[in-house]
Amino acid sequence: MRRFFSFFLVIAVLFGCILYCFPQYLPQELVPASQIVRYWVKELEQHIWPEPEQSTDAMSYDVIRAIDGDTLLISMDGIETAVRLIGINAPESVHPEAEKNTAEGEQASLWLKQYIAGKRVTLEYDQELNDRYGRTLAYVYVDNMMLEDALLTMGLARTLTMEPNIRYQHHFEMLEKEARDNGSGFWGTGFFVK
């Protein structure tokens, strides 16, 4: 009886994975089942890896400018501070080795510059406060939205997990998967390879 139950459970899990991962290959009559499975997986993800919530008592800082697509310069108590967004990596645009800079890096940088111009940001820290270049590491919020979320959703950046700063790793991976599946931004142009 236990073997039968185990076999049935394995088959059910495999069927659920097929419904979730390959809806485009399913017969039309199974599409509603696939949508139900995707809904419940999303609900489960919200309980296991809840979406980030910005603290209401966090200090905000003036933005000076965007340095590139994943780094910005802010004023912290009158001191210019470079802040590197945690968990993502945008294409290069200001790399010292010019051949590493790309048109996509310029696009990501331009979007960030336009989005944060004249705004204030709040920061959320993880385990490490600085990287080896002396930049402050933080999740950055503008208008109650995490910049990392926006860049990943638009397909302008990819996930970059660097321990021990992994608080939103699964959340970011989920956003990247959606952008990849939708062909958003650089996923649609072929610059980001699946």
N, C-alpha and C. Protein backbone atom coordinates (compact mmCIF):
# COMPACT_ATOMS: atom_id res chain seq x y z
N MET A 1 0.82 -1.20 0.00
CA MET A 1 0.00 0.00 0.00
C MET A 1 0.87 1.27 0.00
N ARG A 2 1.96 1.23 0.81
CA ARG A 2 2.84 2.39 0.86
C ARG A 2 3.51 2.62 -0.49
N ARG A 3 3.90 1.54 -1.15
CA ARG A 3 4.53 1.67 -2.46
C ARG A 3 3.55 2.26 -3.48
N PHE A 4 2.32 1.84 -3.41
CA PHE A 4 1.31 2.37 -4.33
C PHE A 4 1.12 3.86 -4.09
N PHE A 5 1.04 4.24 -2.81
CA PHE A 5 0.87 5.65 -2.47
C PHE A 5 2.08 6.46 -2.94
N SER A 6 3.30 5.95 -2.73
CA SER A 6 4.52 6.64 -3.16
C SER A 6 4.54 6.79 -4.67
N PHE A 7 4.17 5.73 -5.39
CA PHE A 7 4.13 5.77 -6.84
C PHE A 7 3.11 6.81 -7.32
N PHE A 8 1.93 6.82 -6.69
CA PHE A 8 0.89 7.77 -7.05
C PHE A 8 1.35 9.20 -6.80
N LEU A 9 2.05 9.41 -5.68
CA LEU A 9 2.55 10.74 -5.33
C LEU A 9 3.59 11.22 -6.35
N VAL A 10 4.49 10.33 -6.74
CA VAL A 10 5.50 10.70 -7.74
C VAL A 10 4.84 11.06 -9.07
N ILE A 11 3.87 10.28 -9.50
CA ILE A 11 3.15 10.56 -10.74
C ILE A 11 2.43 11.90 -10.65
N ALA A 12 1.78 12.16 -9.52
CA ALA A 12 1.05 13.42 -9.34
C ALA A 12 2.00 14.62 -9.40
N VAL A 13 3.17 14.49 -8.75
CA VAL A 13 4.15 15.58 -8.76
C VAL A 13 4.67 15.80 -10.18
N LEU A 14 4.99 14.73 -10.88
CA LEU A 14 5.46 14.86 -12.27
C LEU A 14 4.41 15.52 -13.16
N PHE A 15 3.17 15.12 -13.00
CA PHE A 15 2.08 15.70 -13.79
C PHE A 15 1.94 17.20 -13.47
N GLY A 16 2.05 17.53 -12.18
CA GLY A 16 1.98 18.94 -11.78
C GLY A 16 3.11 19.75 -12.36
N CYS A 17 4.32 19.16 -12.39
CA CYS A 17 5.48 19.85 -12.98
C CYS A 17 5.27 20.09 -14.47
N ILE A 18 4.72 19.11 -15.15
CA ILE A 18 4.45 19.26 -16.58
C ILE A 18 3.42 20.37 -16.80
N LEU A 19 2.37 20.38 -15.97
CA LEU A 19 1.34 21.42 -16.09
C LEU A 19 1.95 22.81 -15.85
N TYR A 20 2.87 22.88 -14.90
CA TYR A 20 3.44 24.18 -14.54
C TYR A 20 4.49 24.64 -15.55
N CYS A 21 5.39 23.74 -15.93
CA CYS A 21 6.55 24.14 -16.74
C CYS A 21 6.31 24.17 -18.25
N PHE A 22 5.38 23.38 -18.73
CA PHE A 22 5.22 23.27 -20.18
C PHE A 22 3.78 23.49 -20.64
N PRO A 23 3.14 24.60 -20.22
CA PRO A 23 1.75 24.81 -20.62
C PRO A 23 1.56 24.96 -22.12
N GLN A 24 2.61 25.43 -22.81
CA GLN A 24 2.49 25.65 -24.25
C GLN A 24 2.39 24.34 -25.04
N TYR A 25 2.78 23.20 -24.43
CA TYR A 25 2.74 21.91 -25.13
C TYR A 25 1.53 21.07 -24.76
N LEU A 26 0.67 21.62 -23.90
CA LEU A 26 -0.48 20.85 -23.42
C LEU A 26 -1.65 20.93 -24.40
N PRO A 27 -2.48 19.89 -24.43
CA PRO A 27 -3.73 19.99 -25.18
C PRO A 27 -4.60 21.11 -24.60
N GLN A 28 -5.42 21.70 -25.43
CA GLN A 28 -6.23 22.86 -25.03
C GLN A 28 -7.07 22.58 -23.79
N GLU A 29 -7.56 21.35 -23.64
CA GLU A 29 -8.43 21.05 -22.50
C GLU A 29 -7.68 21.01 -21.17
N LEU A 30 -6.35 20.94 -21.20
CA LEU A 30 -5.57 20.93 -19.96
C LEU A 30 -5.05 22.31 -19.56
N VAL A 31 -5.24 23.32 -20.40
CA VAL A 31 -4.76 24.67 -20.10
C VAL A 31 -5.37 25.21 -18.80
N PRO A 32 -6.69 25.04 -18.55
CA PRO A 32 -7.22 25.53 -17.27
C PRO A 32 -6.55 24.86 -16.07
N ALA A 33 -6.24 23.57 -16.18
CA ALA A 33 -5.55 22.88 -15.08
C ALA A 33 -4.17 23.48 -14.87
N SER A 34 -3.50 23.81 -15.96
CA SER A 34 -2.18 24.43 -15.86
C SER A 34 -2.27 25.79 -15.16
N GLN A 35 -3.29 26.57 -15.48
CA GLN A 35 -3.46 27.88 -14.85
C GLN A 35 -3.73 27.73 -13.36
N ILE A 36 -4.48 26.71 -12.98
CA ILE A 36 -4.75 26.46 -11.56
C ILE A 36 -3.46 26.10 -10.84
N VAL A 37 -2.66 25.21 -11.44
CA VAL A 37 -1.39 24.81 -10.82
C VAL A 37 -0.48 26.03 -10.67
N ARG A 38 -0.39 26.88 -11.70
CA ARG A 38 0.46 28.07 -11.63
C ARG A 38 -0.03 29.03 -10.54
N TYR A 39 -1.34 29.15 -10.39
CA TYR A 39 -1.90 30.02 -9.35
C TYR A 39 -1.47 29.52 -7.96
N TRP A 40 -1.62 28.21 -7.72
CA TRP A 40 -1.30 27.67 -6.40
C TRP A 40 0.19 27.67 -6.12
N VAL A 41 1.01 27.49 -7.15
CA VAL A 41 2.46 27.59 -6.95
C VAL A 41 2.83 29.01 -6.55
N LYS A 42 2.21 30.00 -7.21
CA LYS A 42 2.48 31.40 -6.87
C LYS A 42 2.04 31.70 -5.44
N GLU A 43 0.87 31.16 -5.04
CA GLU A 43 0.41 31.34 -3.66
C GLU A 43 1.39 30.72 -2.67
N LEU A 44 1.87 29.54 -2.98
CA LEU A 44 2.82 28.86 -2.11
C LEU A 44 4.12 29.64 -2.02
N GLU A 45 4.59 30.17 -3.15
CA GLU A 45 5.82 30.98 -3.15
C GLU A 45 5.68 32.19 -2.25
N GLN A 46 4.50 32.80 -2.23
CA GLN A 46 4.29 33.97 -1.38
C GLN A 46 4.38 33.63 0.10
N HIS A 47 4.04 32.39 0.46
CA HIS A 47 4.15 31.98 1.86
C HIS A 47 5.57 31.58 2.22
N ILE A 48 6.28 30.99 1.25
CA ILE A 48 7.65 30.55 1.51
C ILE A 48 8.63 31.71 1.35
N TRP A 49 8.49 32.46 0.23
CA TRP A 49 9.37 33.59 -0.07
C TRP A 49 8.52 34.83 -0.29
N PRO A 50 8.07 35.47 0.78
CA PRO A 50 7.19 36.63 0.60
C PRO A 50 7.91 37.76 -0.13
N GLU A 51 7.11 38.55 -0.86
CA GLU A 51 7.67 39.69 -1.56
C GLU A 51 8.17 40.69 -0.54
N PRO A 52 9.24 41.39 -0.88
CA PRO A 52 9.82 42.34 0.07
C PRO A 52 8.87 43.47 0.42
N GLU A 53 8.96 43.90 1.67
CA GLU A 53 8.16 45.02 2.12
C GLU A 53 9.10 46.10 2.64
N GLN A 54 8.89 47.29 2.16
CA GLN A 54 9.74 48.39 2.57
C GLN A 54 9.36 48.83 3.98
N SER A 55 10.37 49.07 4.78
CA SER A 55 10.15 49.56 6.13
C SER A 55 9.63 50.99 6.06
N THR A 56 8.62 51.30 6.87
CA THR A 56 8.04 52.64 6.83
C THR A 56 8.89 53.66 7.59
N ASP A 57 9.80 53.19 8.48
CA ASP A 57 10.60 54.12 9.25
C ASP A 57 12.03 54.24 8.72
N ALA A 58 12.27 53.77 7.50
CA ALA A 58 13.60 53.83 6.91
C ALA A 58 13.95 55.26 6.52
N MET A 59 15.25 55.60 6.63
CA MET A 59 15.72 56.92 6.23
C MET A 59 15.78 56.98 4.71
N SER A 60 15.50 58.16 4.17
CA SER A 60 15.59 58.32 2.72
C SER A 60 16.74 59.27 2.40
N TYR A 61 17.27 59.08 1.18
CA TYR A 61 18.45 59.83 0.77
C TYR A 61 18.24 60.41 -0.63
N ASP A 62 18.85 61.56 -0.88
CA ASP A 62 18.79 62.18 -2.20
C ASP A 62 19.66 61.41 -3.18
N VAL A 63 19.14 61.22 -4.39
CA VAL A 63 19.91 60.59 -5.45
C VAL A 63 20.72 61.68 -6.15
N ILE A 64 22.00 61.42 -6.32
CA ILE A 64 22.85 62.35 -7.08
C ILE A 64 22.79 61.98 -8.56
N ARG A 65 23.05 60.69 -8.86
CA ARG A 65 22.95 60.22 -10.24
C ARG A 65 23.10 58.70 -10.27
N ALA A 66 22.75 58.12 -11.41
CA ALA A 66 23.02 56.70 -11.65
C ALA A 66 24.41 56.59 -12.23
N ILE A 67 25.18 55.65 -11.72
CA ILE A 67 26.53 55.42 -12.26
C ILE A 67 26.43 54.49 -13.47
N ASP A 68 25.65 53.43 -13.32
CA ASP A 68 25.37 52.52 -14.43
C ASP A 68 24.04 51.84 -14.14
N GLY A 69 23.76 50.71 -14.77
CA GLY A 69 22.45 50.08 -14.62
C GLY A 69 22.19 49.39 -13.30
N ASP A 70 23.20 49.23 -12.46
CA ASP A 70 22.97 48.58 -11.16
C ASP A 70 23.71 49.28 -10.01
N THR A 71 24.15 50.50 -10.24
CA THR A 71 24.87 51.26 -9.21
C THR A 71 24.45 52.72 -9.29
N LEU A 72 24.23 53.33 -8.12
CA LEU A 72 23.88 54.74 -8.10
C LEU A 72 24.67 55.48 -7.04
N LEU A 73 24.68 56.78 -7.16
CA LEU A 73 25.38 57.65 -6.23
C LEU A 73 24.33 58.44 -5.46
N ILE A 74 24.40 58.36 -4.14
CA ILE A 74 23.44 59.08 -3.30
C ILE A 74 24.19 59.95 -2.30
N SER A 75 23.45 60.83 -1.66
CA SER A 75 24.02 61.67 -0.62
C SER A 75 23.56 61.14 0.74
N MET A 76 24.51 60.63 1.51
CA MET A 76 24.21 60.13 2.86
C MET A 76 24.87 61.08 3.86
N ASP A 77 24.05 61.87 4.51
CA ASP A 77 24.56 62.86 5.47
C ASP A 77 25.61 63.77 4.83
N GLY A 78 25.34 64.16 3.58
CA GLY A 78 26.24 65.06 2.88
C GLY A 78 27.45 64.39 2.23
N ILE A 79 27.56 63.09 2.38
CA ILE A 79 28.70 62.36 1.80
C ILE A 79 28.21 61.58 0.58
N GLU A 80 28.91 61.76 -0.56
CA GLU A 80 28.57 61.01 -1.76
C GLU A 80 28.92 59.54 -1.54
N THR A 81 27.91 58.68 -1.72
CA THR A 81 28.07 57.26 -1.46
C THR A 81 27.59 56.45 -2.65
N ALA A 82 28.45 55.57 -3.15
CA ALA A 82 28.07 54.67 -4.24
C ALA A 82 27.32 53.48 -3.65
N VAL A 83 26.17 53.18 -4.22
CA VAL A 83 25.33 52.07 -3.75
C VAL A 83 25.17 51.06 -4.87
N ARG A 84 25.57 49.83 -4.60
CA ARG A 84 25.44 48.73 -5.57
C ARG A 84 24.19 47.94 -5.21
N LEU A 85 23.27 47.78 -6.19
CA LEU A 85 22.04 47.03 -5.96
C LEU A 85 22.38 45.56 -5.72
N ILE A 86 21.82 44.99 -4.67
CA ILE A 86 22.08 43.59 -4.33
C ILE A 86 21.22 42.67 -5.20
N GLY A 87 21.82 41.56 -5.61
CA GLY A 87 21.05 40.48 -6.23
C GLY A 87 20.84 40.55 -7.72
N ILE A 88 21.32 41.63 -8.36
CA ILE A 88 21.14 41.74 -9.81
C ILE A 88 22.44 42.19 -10.47
N ASN A 89 22.48 42.04 -11.78
CA ASN A 89 23.63 42.50 -12.55
C ASN A 89 23.13 43.01 -13.90
N ALA A 90 23.36 44.28 -14.17
CA ALA A 90 22.99 44.86 -15.46
C ALA A 90 24.20 44.79 -16.39
N PRO A 91 23.98 44.82 -17.69
CA PRO A 91 25.11 44.82 -18.62
C PRO A 91 26.03 46.02 -18.36
N GLU A 92 27.30 45.87 -18.71
CA GLU A 92 28.30 46.90 -18.43
C GLU A 92 28.13 48.13 -19.32
N SER A 93 28.41 49.30 -18.72
CA SER A 93 28.39 50.54 -19.50
C SER A 93 29.54 51.47 -19.13
N VAL A 94 30.15 51.28 -17.96
CA VAL A 94 31.27 52.15 -17.54
C VAL A 94 32.47 51.33 -17.08
N HIS A 95 32.59 50.14 -17.61
CA HIS A 95 33.71 49.27 -17.22
C HIS A 95 35.02 49.89 -17.71
N PRO A 96 36.09 49.81 -16.90
CA PRO A 96 37.39 50.35 -17.33
C PRO A 96 37.90 49.72 -18.63
N GLU A 97 37.56 48.44 -18.86
CA GLU A 97 37.93 47.78 -20.11
C GLU A 97 36.80 48.05 -21.11
N ALA A 98 37.04 48.96 -22.03
CA ALA A 98 36.00 49.46 -22.93
C ALA A 98 35.29 48.36 -23.71
N GLU A 99 35.98 47.28 -24.06
CA GLU A 99 35.35 46.21 -24.85
C GLU A 99 34.26 45.48 -24.08
N LYS A 100 34.22 45.63 -22.76
CA LYS A 100 33.18 44.98 -21.97
C LYS A 100 31.89 45.81 -21.92
N ASN A 101 31.96 47.07 -22.32
CA ASN A 101 30.78 47.93 -22.31
C ASN A 101 29.92 47.64 -23.55
N THR A 102 28.60 47.68 -23.34
CA THR A 102 27.68 47.32 -24.42
C THR A 102 26.59 48.38 -24.59
N ALA A 103 25.93 48.32 -25.73
CA ALA A 103 24.78 49.21 -25.97
C ALA A 103 23.67 48.90 -24.98
N GLU A 104 23.52 47.61 -24.62
CA GLU A 104 22.49 47.22 -23.64
C GLU A 104 22.81 47.81 -22.27
N GLY A 105 24.10 47.86 -21.94
CA GLY A 105 24.50 48.49 -20.68
C GLY A 105 24.12 49.96 -20.66
N GLU A 106 24.30 50.63 -21.81
CA GLU A 106 23.90 52.04 -21.92
C GLU A 106 22.40 52.20 -21.76
N GLN A 107 21.63 51.27 -22.34
CA GLN A 107 20.16 51.33 -22.22
C GLN A 107 19.72 51.16 -20.77
N ALA A 108 20.29 50.17 -20.07
CA ALA A 108 19.92 49.93 -18.66
C ALA A 108 20.30 51.13 -17.82
N SER A 109 21.48 51.69 -18.08
CA SER A 109 21.96 52.85 -17.34
C SER A 109 21.06 54.06 -17.59
N LEU A 110 20.67 54.28 -18.84
CA LEU A 110 19.80 55.40 -19.18
C LEU A 110 18.44 55.27 -18.51
N TRP A 111 17.88 54.04 -18.51
CA TRP A 111 16.59 53.84 -17.85
C TRP A 111 16.69 54.18 -16.37
N LEU A 112 17.76 53.70 -15.72
CA LEU A 112 17.92 53.96 -14.28
C LEU A 112 18.10 55.45 -14.03
N LYS A 113 18.89 56.11 -14.86
CA LYS A 113 19.11 57.55 -14.70
C LYS A 113 17.79 58.31 -14.79
N GLN A 114 16.98 57.97 -15.76
CA GLN A 114 15.70 58.66 -15.94
C GLN A 114 14.73 58.34 -14.81
N TYR A 115 14.74 57.10 -14.36
CA TYR A 115 13.78 56.68 -13.33
C TYR A 115 14.05 57.32 -11.98
N ILE A 116 15.32 57.47 -11.63
CA ILE A 116 15.65 57.96 -10.28
C ILE A 116 15.97 59.45 -10.24
N ALA A 117 15.96 60.12 -11.40
CA ALA A 117 16.32 61.54 -11.44
C ALA A 117 15.45 62.36 -10.50
N GLY A 118 16.09 63.12 -9.63
CA GLY A 118 15.37 64.01 -8.72
C GLY A 118 14.59 63.32 -7.61
N LYS A 119 14.83 62.04 -7.39
CA LYS A 119 14.06 61.31 -6.37
C LYS A 119 14.89 61.01 -5.13
N ARG A 120 14.20 60.52 -4.14
CA ARG A 120 14.85 60.06 -2.91
C ARG A 120 14.70 58.54 -2.84
N VAL A 121 15.66 57.90 -2.23
CA VAL A 121 15.64 56.43 -2.11
C VAL A 121 15.77 56.03 -0.66
N THR A 122 15.25 54.85 -0.37
CA THR A 122 15.50 54.24 0.93
C THR A 122 16.26 52.94 0.70
N LEU A 123 17.05 52.56 1.67
CA LEU A 123 17.92 51.40 1.54
C LEU A 123 17.54 50.32 2.54
N GLU A 124 17.66 49.07 2.09
CA GLU A 124 17.50 47.92 2.97
C GLU A 124 18.78 47.10 2.84
N TYR A 125 19.40 46.77 3.96
CA TYR A 125 20.66 46.06 3.94
C TYR A 125 20.46 44.57 4.16
N ASP A 126 21.48 43.81 3.77
CA ASP A 126 21.49 42.37 4.01
C ASP A 126 22.64 42.06 4.96
N GLN A 127 23.38 40.99 4.73
CA GLN A 127 24.43 40.57 5.66
C GLN A 127 25.70 41.40 5.53
N GLU A 128 26.14 41.66 4.31
CA GLU A 128 27.34 42.47 4.08
C GLU A 128 26.93 43.89 3.73
N LEU A 129 27.63 44.86 4.30
CA LEU A 129 27.29 46.26 4.04
C LEU A 129 28.08 46.86 2.89
N ASN A 130 29.26 46.30 2.58
CA ASN A 130 30.10 46.85 1.52
C ASN A 130 30.70 45.74 0.68
N ASP A 131 30.98 46.07 -0.60
CA ASP A 131 31.67 45.10 -1.45
C ASP A 131 33.16 45.42 -1.47
N ARG A 132 33.92 44.67 -2.25
CA ARG A 132 35.38 44.85 -2.25
C ARG A 132 35.82 46.17 -2.86
N TYR A 133 34.91 46.86 -3.56
CA TYR A 133 35.22 48.16 -4.13
C TYR A 133 34.83 49.31 -3.20
N GLY A 134 34.32 48.97 -2.02
CA GLY A 134 33.93 49.99 -1.06
C GLY A 134 32.53 50.54 -1.25
N ARG A 135 31.78 49.97 -2.20
CA ARG A 135 30.41 50.44 -2.43
C ARG A 135 29.48 49.89 -1.36
N THR A 136 28.48 50.66 -0.99
CA THR A 136 27.45 50.19 -0.07
C THR A 136 26.56 49.20 -0.81
N LEU A 137 26.27 48.08 -0.19
CA LEU A 137 25.39 47.07 -0.78
C LEU A 137 24.01 47.21 -0.17
N ALA A 138 22.98 47.33 -1.02
CA ALA A 138 21.63 47.52 -0.49
C ALA A 138 20.57 47.16 -1.52
N TYR A 139 19.38 46.85 -1.00
CA TYR A 139 18.18 46.78 -1.82
C TYR A 139 17.65 48.22 -1.81
N VAL A 140 17.36 48.77 -2.96
CA VAL A 140 17.04 50.19 -3.06
C VAL A 140 15.58 50.37 -3.47
N TYR A 141 14.88 51.22 -2.72
CA TYR A 141 13.47 51.49 -2.99
C TYR A 141 13.27 52.92 -3.46
N VAL A 142 12.44 53.07 -4.49
CA VAL A 142 12.03 54.37 -5.00
C VAL A 142 10.53 54.31 -5.18
N ASP A 143 9.81 55.29 -4.67
CA ASP A 143 8.35 55.32 -4.80
C ASP A 143 7.72 53.99 -4.37
N ASN A 144 8.19 53.45 -3.25
CA ASN A 144 7.67 52.19 -2.68
C ASN A 144 7.88 50.98 -3.59
N MET A 145 8.82 51.07 -4.53
CA MET A 145 9.13 49.95 -5.40
C MET A 145 10.62 49.65 -5.33
N MET A 146 10.96 48.37 -5.25
CA MET A 146 12.36 47.99 -5.23
C MET A 146 12.93 48.10 -6.64
N LEU A 147 14.04 48.82 -6.79
CA LEU A 147 14.66 48.99 -8.11
C LEU A 147 15.05 47.66 -8.72
N GLU A 148 15.53 46.75 -7.90
CA GLU A 148 15.91 45.42 -8.40
C GLU A 148 14.72 44.76 -9.08
N ASP A 149 13.54 44.86 -8.46
CA ASP A 149 12.33 44.27 -9.05
C ASP A 149 12.05 44.86 -10.43
N ALA A 150 12.14 46.19 -10.52
CA ALA A 150 11.83 46.86 -11.79
C ALA A 150 12.80 46.44 -12.88
N LEU A 151 14.08 46.43 -12.59
CA LEU A 151 15.09 46.07 -13.59
C LEU A 151 14.95 44.63 -14.05
N LEU A 152 14.66 43.72 -13.11
CA LEU A 152 14.48 42.32 -13.49
C LEU A 152 13.20 42.12 -14.30
N THR A 153 12.12 42.76 -13.88
CA THR A 153 10.84 42.62 -14.58
C THR A 153 10.91 43.13 -16.01
N MET A 154 11.65 44.22 -16.21
CA MET A 154 11.77 44.80 -17.54
C MET A 154 12.81 44.09 -18.40
N GLY A 155 13.51 43.12 -17.83
CA GLY A 155 14.52 42.40 -18.59
C GLY A 155 15.77 43.22 -18.86
N LEU A 156 16.06 44.20 -17.98
CA LEU A 156 17.24 45.04 -18.13
C LEU A 156 18.41 44.56 -17.29
N ALA A 157 18.16 43.56 -16.45
CA ALA A 157 19.20 42.99 -15.59
C ALA A 157 18.90 41.52 -15.36
N ARG A 158 19.92 40.80 -14.91
CA ARG A 158 19.79 39.39 -14.56
C ARG A 158 20.05 39.25 -13.07
N THR A 159 19.68 38.10 -12.53
CA THR A 159 19.99 37.84 -11.13
C THR A 159 21.48 37.60 -10.97
N LEU A 160 21.99 38.00 -9.81
CA LEU A 160 23.39 37.75 -9.44
C LEU A 160 23.40 37.46 -7.95
N THR A 161 23.47 36.19 -7.60
CA THR A 161 23.43 35.79 -6.20
C THR A 161 24.85 35.70 -5.66
N MET A 162 25.12 36.50 -4.62
CA MET A 162 26.44 36.47 -3.98
C MET A 162 26.23 36.34 -2.48
N GLU A 163 26.55 35.15 -1.97
CA GLU A 163 26.39 34.93 -0.53
C GLU A 163 27.31 35.88 0.23
N PRO A 164 26.90 36.30 1.41
CA PRO A 164 25.73 35.86 2.17
C PRO A 164 24.48 36.70 1.93
N ASN A 165 24.50 37.60 0.93
CA ASN A 165 23.36 38.49 0.68
C ASN A 165 22.33 37.80 -0.21
N ILE A 166 21.51 36.96 0.39
CA ILE A 166 20.59 36.13 -0.39
C ILE A 166 19.13 36.27 0.06
N ARG A 167 18.82 37.33 0.78
CA ARG A 167 17.48 37.48 1.36
C ARG A 167 16.36 37.33 0.33
N TYR A 168 16.52 37.93 -0.85
CA TYR A 168 15.47 37.91 -1.87
C TYR A 168 15.85 37.06 -3.09
N GLN A 169 16.77 36.14 -2.91
CA GLN A 169 17.26 35.34 -4.03
C GLN A 169 16.12 34.66 -4.79
N HIS A 170 15.24 33.96 -4.08
CA HIS A 170 14.17 33.23 -4.75
C HIS A 170 13.15 34.18 -5.39
N HIS A 171 12.89 35.28 -4.73
CA HIS A 171 12.00 36.30 -5.28
C HIS A 171 12.56 36.84 -6.61
N PHE A 172 13.86 37.16 -6.62
CA PHE A 172 14.50 37.67 -7.84
C PHE A 172 14.52 36.61 -8.94
N GLU A 173 14.78 35.37 -8.57
CA GLU A 173 14.79 34.29 -9.57
C GLU A 173 13.41 34.14 -10.22
N MET A 174 12.36 34.30 -9.42
CA MET A 174 11.00 34.20 -9.95
C MET A 174 10.73 35.34 -10.95
N LEU A 175 11.15 36.56 -10.61
CA LEU A 175 10.97 37.70 -11.52
C LEU A 175 11.77 37.51 -12.80
N GLU A 176 12.99 37.01 -12.68
CA GLU A 176 13.80 36.78 -13.87
C GLU A 176 13.15 35.73 -14.77
N LYS A 177 12.63 34.67 -14.17
CA LYS A 177 11.97 33.61 -14.96
C LYS A 177 10.78 34.17 -15.72
N GLU A 178 9.98 35.02 -15.06
CA GLU A 178 8.82 35.62 -15.73
C GLU A 178 9.27 36.51 -16.90
N ALA A 179 10.32 37.31 -16.67
CA ALA A 179 10.82 38.18 -17.74
C ALA A 179 11.36 37.35 -18.90
N ARG A 180 12.06 36.27 -18.58
CA ARG A 180 12.60 35.39 -19.62
C ARG A 180 11.48 34.74 -20.41
N ASP A 181 10.47 34.21 -19.70
CA ASP A 181 9.34 33.56 -20.36
C ASP A 181 8.55 34.53 -21.23
N ASN A 182 8.47 35.80 -20.79
CA ASN A 182 7.72 36.81 -21.54
C ASN A 182 8.55 37.48 -22.64
N GLY A 183 9.85 37.18 -22.68
CA GLY A 183 10.72 37.82 -23.67
C GLY A 183 10.89 39.30 -23.42
N SER A 184 10.89 39.70 -22.15
CA SER A 184 11.01 41.12 -21.81
C SER A 184 12.43 41.62 -22.00
N GLY A 185 12.55 42.87 -22.44
CA GLY A 185 13.83 43.54 -22.53
C GLY A 185 14.87 42.76 -23.30
N PHE A 186 16.03 42.56 -22.66
CA PHE A 186 17.16 41.92 -23.33
C PHE A 186 16.95 40.41 -23.52
N TRP A 187 15.92 39.84 -22.86
CA TRP A 187 15.58 38.44 -23.14
C TRP A 187 14.95 38.34 -24.51
N GLY A 188 14.22 39.36 -24.91
CA GLY A 188 13.56 39.35 -26.21
C GLY A 188 14.50 39.67 -27.36
N THR A 189 15.59 40.42 -27.06
CA THR A 189 16.52 40.77 -28.13
C THR A 189 17.57 39.70 -28.37
N GLY A 190 17.68 38.76 -27.42
CA GLY A 190 18.69 37.71 -27.54
C GLY A 190 20.00 38.06 -26.87
N PHE A 191 20.11 39.26 -26.28
CA PHE A 191 21.34 39.62 -25.56
C PHE A 191 21.52 38.73 -24.34
N PHE A 192 20.42 38.55 -23.58
CA PHE A 192 20.46 37.57 -22.48
C PHE A 192 20.12 36.22 -23.08
N VAL A 193 20.97 35.25 -22.82
CA VAL A 193 20.75 33.90 -23.34
C VAL A 193 20.09 33.07 -22.28
N LYS A 194 19.02 32.34 -22.69
CA LYS A 194 18.25 31.52 -21.73
C LYS A 194 19.07 30.35 -21.24
